[in-house]
Amino acid sequence: MKLVTLAALLALAPAALVQAGEYCSWNPGSRVGKDAAAFDDPNHYGFEAYPNPWCKGNDGDLSCTPFYYKPWTYENFMKYQSGGQDPHWCYDEPGATLIGAGNSGNVFTTTRAWAHFKDGKLDDKFFYVFHGCDGAGIMHDCVGDSKYVERIGPISGDQNNLLCEDGITVKEIPNAPYNPRRRCEFRHPGLGKVYSDYAAGSAWNTYGANDRIPEEDFKSAASGSWSPDVINALNKVATNPFNEDNAIGFMIFPWVCTTVCGVGKQGCDDTNKVFNSEDVENVKCYWDNEPEDDGAPLVQLFWGILKNDGEKPYLDMKGWIYDKNQKKMVEFNNGWTMNICNDGDGCFDIPMPPKNATEIIPS
């Protein structure tokens, strides 16, 4: 199945557009209240992609993530709002370089990943992928599919199952003791590989030399603001540390899976299994920015800025993770660089560390 581009989708005559019928075509999710326009599609399919809101998968497509379901809801809505024109920021830097648009100008697919290299060799536990206008990132509230960010790796030793906390697999979640935030491994739909660690978030944004990530971003859309301790800690690292224009800032969160409608229940999953990669009824997975009982989510905040060594671009990075005990953001490695992953580098197959390896703060 060939993935239809956003431009091709919206070039169809309005009369040809009908309800595609998957979850975000009829469920508004978070597209209510002041955001209701994002669901108010004149063609009555919630701005879900027509005729087929899916990506092929298992073909190396980095844009096919985090599920096979890819409704393009936000991009279709934005294009409708602008009278058929793609948002200008789809083509702007630094996004075009981050996603690998290159000279083709195709900003509707992502072909580039980033990781840390030392002396020209891969030296990282993870690789990062920055998405723009490629439709990646939809969540079960039918938003998030714009400027999605992923940190992925290392590859799991079990490529047949998705292992979770409590010693179970994703397929066992519907009948396991209820846990609304059970961390699980991740199968990348496009790469067709299972990874032992996955964190994600939406959306990365571009900031000027004196700009900061606004405090209004430090909250969950579902449950509201995080604790004052977390917000105070984040505010201390929320200002662009590079003092240069076109820096990017973003947050990522753990990947978790839980039931859609409760343990042991059947016939109640109205999502049609689109929010997990294993085709399991009554399971949804998502990046978890909900606060725990103490009001603190497991949040990591990053800043990056594109540079060029005269031959190729690279990223200067800084990052922090919230430490609940210290009630502060702890910095990763005093900053690091990331380069473009190329064929043969091994970015998509980073091995698991030995069991007796010393744990280090992830870069």
Foldseek 3Di string as FASTA:
>chain_A
DADDFPLRQVVDDLVVDAACDFDQQQAQQLCDDVNVLLQPDPRRGRQFGPNDQFDPFQAQFQQCDDFRGFRLSVQSSVCVVVVNDGPPVLQDPPQCVQQVVPPVSPSQGRDWKKAFDDPNAGDAFWIKHWHASNRYQQFSSRDGRGRKIKIFDDFDPDLPFKAWPPGDTLQCQQADPFDPFIFIWGQRRHNSTIHGFMKIDDHKDWDALFDFDDLLVQADSVPGHFDPLLSVQCVVVGTAPVSHGGKIKDKIATKGKHFPPHHPDPPPASNCQRQGHPSHHRMHMDGDSAADPNRHGFMKMKMWDWDDPPPAIKIKMKMWTQDPVVSHTHIAPRIGMMDIDDPPSCNRHNDDDDPPDDDGDHD
